[in-house]
Amino acid sequence: MVVRLLRHAGARSAHLHLASLATIGLCVMLWVRAKTVDQEQRGNAERRALFVGLWPPMLWLIGDSLENPSDLLG
């Protein structure tokens, strides 16, 4: 159902694959930034970077589902 909604909205697999790669860059940027903040705020900054680091595999797999919707049917 999510794949069908994304396809209807005009999303393509390349869009989600690029978003996945962009979130890797965002994660690295947040991680580097976490090293520059003071010790009191560092924990939250590192958790934010790790949270964003969970997004790329999800976005990549959704992109794969948009590319090969027949794989989901069996």
C-alpha atoms as a PDB file:
ATOM      1  CA  MET A   1       0.000   0.000   0.000  1.00  0.00           C
ATOM      2  CA  VAL A   2       2.813   2.453   0.827  1.00  0.00           C
ATOM      3  CA  VAL A   3       4.554   1.614  -2.434  1.00  0.00           C
ATOM      4  CA  ARG A   4       1.323   2.167  -4.340  1.00  0.00           C
ATOM      5  CA  LEU A   5       0.808   5.562  -2.639  1.00  0.00           C
ATOM      6  CA  LEU A   6       4.383   6.638  -3.366  1.00  0.00           C
ATOM      7  CA  ARG A   7       4.089   5.554  -6.988  1.00  0.00           C
ATOM      8  CA  HIS A   8       0.803   7.465  -7.312  1.00  0.00           C
ATOM      9  CA  ALA A   9       2.492  10.553  -5.802  1.00  0.00           C
ATOM     10  CA  GLY A  10       5.148  10.396  -8.520  1.00  0.00           C
ATOM     11  CA  ALA A  11       8.053   9.027  -6.493  1.00  0.00           C
ATOM     12  CA  ARG A  12      10.544   6.866  -8.362  1.00  0.00           C
ATOM     13  CA  SER A  13      13.181   4.487  -7.087  1.00  0.00           C
ATOM     14  CA  ALA A  14      15.958   6.895  -8.067  1.00  0.00           C
ATOM     15  CA  HIS A  15      14.428   9.586  -5.843  1.00  0.00           C
ATOM     16  CA  LEU A  16      14.525   7.348  -2.794  1.00  0.00           C
ATOM     17  CA  HIS A  17      18.001   6.025  -3.601  1.00  0.00           C
ATOM     18  CA  LEU A  18      19.292   9.595  -3.810  1.00  0.00           C
ATOM     19  CA  ALA A  19      17.513  10.467  -0.564  1.00  0.00           C
ATOM     20  CA  SER A  20      19.213   7.472   1.038  1.00  0.00           C
ATOM     21  CA  LEU A  21      22.641   8.674  -0.070  1.00  0.00           C
ATOM     22  CA  ALA A  22      21.819  12.205   1.089  1.00  0.00           C
ATOM     23  CA  THR A  23      20.913  10.963   4.566  1.00  0.00           C
ATOM     24  CA  ILE A  24      24.305   9.270   4.807  1.00  0.00           C
ATOM     25  CA  GLY A  25      25.885  12.666   4.209  1.00  0.00           C
ATOM     26  CA  LEU A  26      23.521  14.258   6.729  1.00  0.00           C
ATOM     27  CA  CYS A  27      24.434  11.625   9.312  1.00  0.00           C
ATOM     28  CA  VAL A  28      28.159  12.229   8.832  1.00  0.00           C
ATOM     29  CA  MET A  29      27.619  15.978   9.038  1.00  0.00           C
ATOM     30  CA  LEU A  30      25.629  15.626  12.272  1.00  0.00           C
ATOM     31  CA  TRP A  31      28.257  13.292  13.721  1.00  0.00           C
ATOM     32  CA  VAL A  32      31.078  15.736  12.962  1.00  0.00           C
ATOM     33  CA  ARG A  33      29.014  18.557  14.406  1.00  0.00           C
ATOM     34  CA  ALA A  34      28.422  16.491  17.540  1.00  0.00           C
ATOM     35  CA  LYS A  35      32.167  16.425  18.122  1.00  0.00           C
ATOM     36  CA  THR A  36      32.290  20.239  18.126  1.00  0.00           C
ATOM     37  CA  VAL A  37      29.579  20.916  20.727  1.00  0.00           C
ATOM     38  CA  ASP A  38      30.308  21.046  24.438  1.00  0.00           C
ATOM     39  CA  GLN A  39      30.217  17.900  26.546  1.00  0.00           C
ATOM     40  CA  GLU A  40      26.797  18.704  28.023  1.00  0.00           C
ATOM     41  CA  GLN A  41      25.068  18.641  24.626  1.00  0.00           C
ATOM     42  CA  ARG A  42      27.219  15.989  22.965  1.00  0.00           C
ATOM     43  CA  GLY A  43      24.999  13.043  23.961  1.00  0.00           C
ATOM     44  CA  ASN A  44      21.915  14.491  22.293  1.00  0.00           C
ATOM     45  CA  ALA A  45      23.876  15.454  19.192  1.00  0.00           C
ATOM     46  CA  GLU A  46      25.329  11.945  18.860  1.00  0.00           C
ATOM     47  CA  ARG A  47      21.904  10.337  19.332  1.00  0.00           C
ATOM     48  CA  ARG A  48      20.507  12.616  16.639  1.00  0.00           C
ATOM     49  CA  ALA A  49      23.258  11.509  14.243  1.00  0.00           C
ATOM     50  CA  LEU A  50      22.617   7.840  15.031  1.00  0.00           C
ATOM     51  CA  PHE A  51      18.874   8.299  14.531  1.00  0.00           C
ATOM     52  CA  VAL A  52      19.434   9.821  11.099  1.00  0.00           C
ATOM     53  CA  GLY A  53      21.879   6.993  10.386  1.00  0.00           C
ATOM     54  CA  LEU A  54      18.980   4.541  10.569  1.00  0.00           C
ATOM     55  CA  TRP A  55      17.202   6.163   7.632  1.00  0.00           C
ATOM     56  CA  PRO A  56      19.391   5.162   4.638  1.00  0.00           C
ATOM     57  CA  PRO A  57      18.629   1.415   4.632  1.00  0.00           C
ATOM     58  CA  MET A  58      14.902   2.075   4.997  1.00  0.00           C
ATOM     59  CA  LEU A  59      14.853   4.596   2.147  1.00  0.00           C
ATOM     60  CA  TRP A  60      16.986   2.330  -0.052  1.00  0.00           C
ATOM     61  CA  LEU A  61      14.661  -0.642   0.481  1.00  0.00           C
ATOM     62  CA  ILE A  62      11.583   1.458  -0.236  1.00  0.00           C
ATOM     63  CA  GLY A  63      13.311   2.579  -3.448  1.00  0.00           C
ATOM     64  CA  ASP A  64      13.957  -1.050  -4.347  1.00  0.00           C
ATOM     65  CA  SER A  65      10.287  -1.811  -3.733  1.00  0.00           C
ATOM     66  CA  LEU A  66       9.301   0.960  -6.125  1.00  0.00           C
ATOM     67  CA  GLU A  67      11.689  -0.454  -8.728  1.00  0.00           C
ATOM     68  CA  ASN A  68      10.486  -4.058  -8.432  1.00  0.00           C
ATOM     69  CA  PRO A  69       6.932  -4.106  -7.085  1.00  0.00           C
ATOM     70  CA  SER A  70       6.403  -7.669  -8.317  1.00  0.00           C
ATOM     71  CA  ASP A  71       8.987  -8.900  -5.762  1.00  0.00           C
ATOM     72  CA  LEU A  72       6.547  -8.026  -2.987  1.00  0.00           C
ATOM     73  CA  LEU A  73       3.813 -10.219  -4.427  1.00  0.00           C
ATOM     74  CA  GLY A  74       5.824 -13.423  -4.272  1.00  0.00           C
END
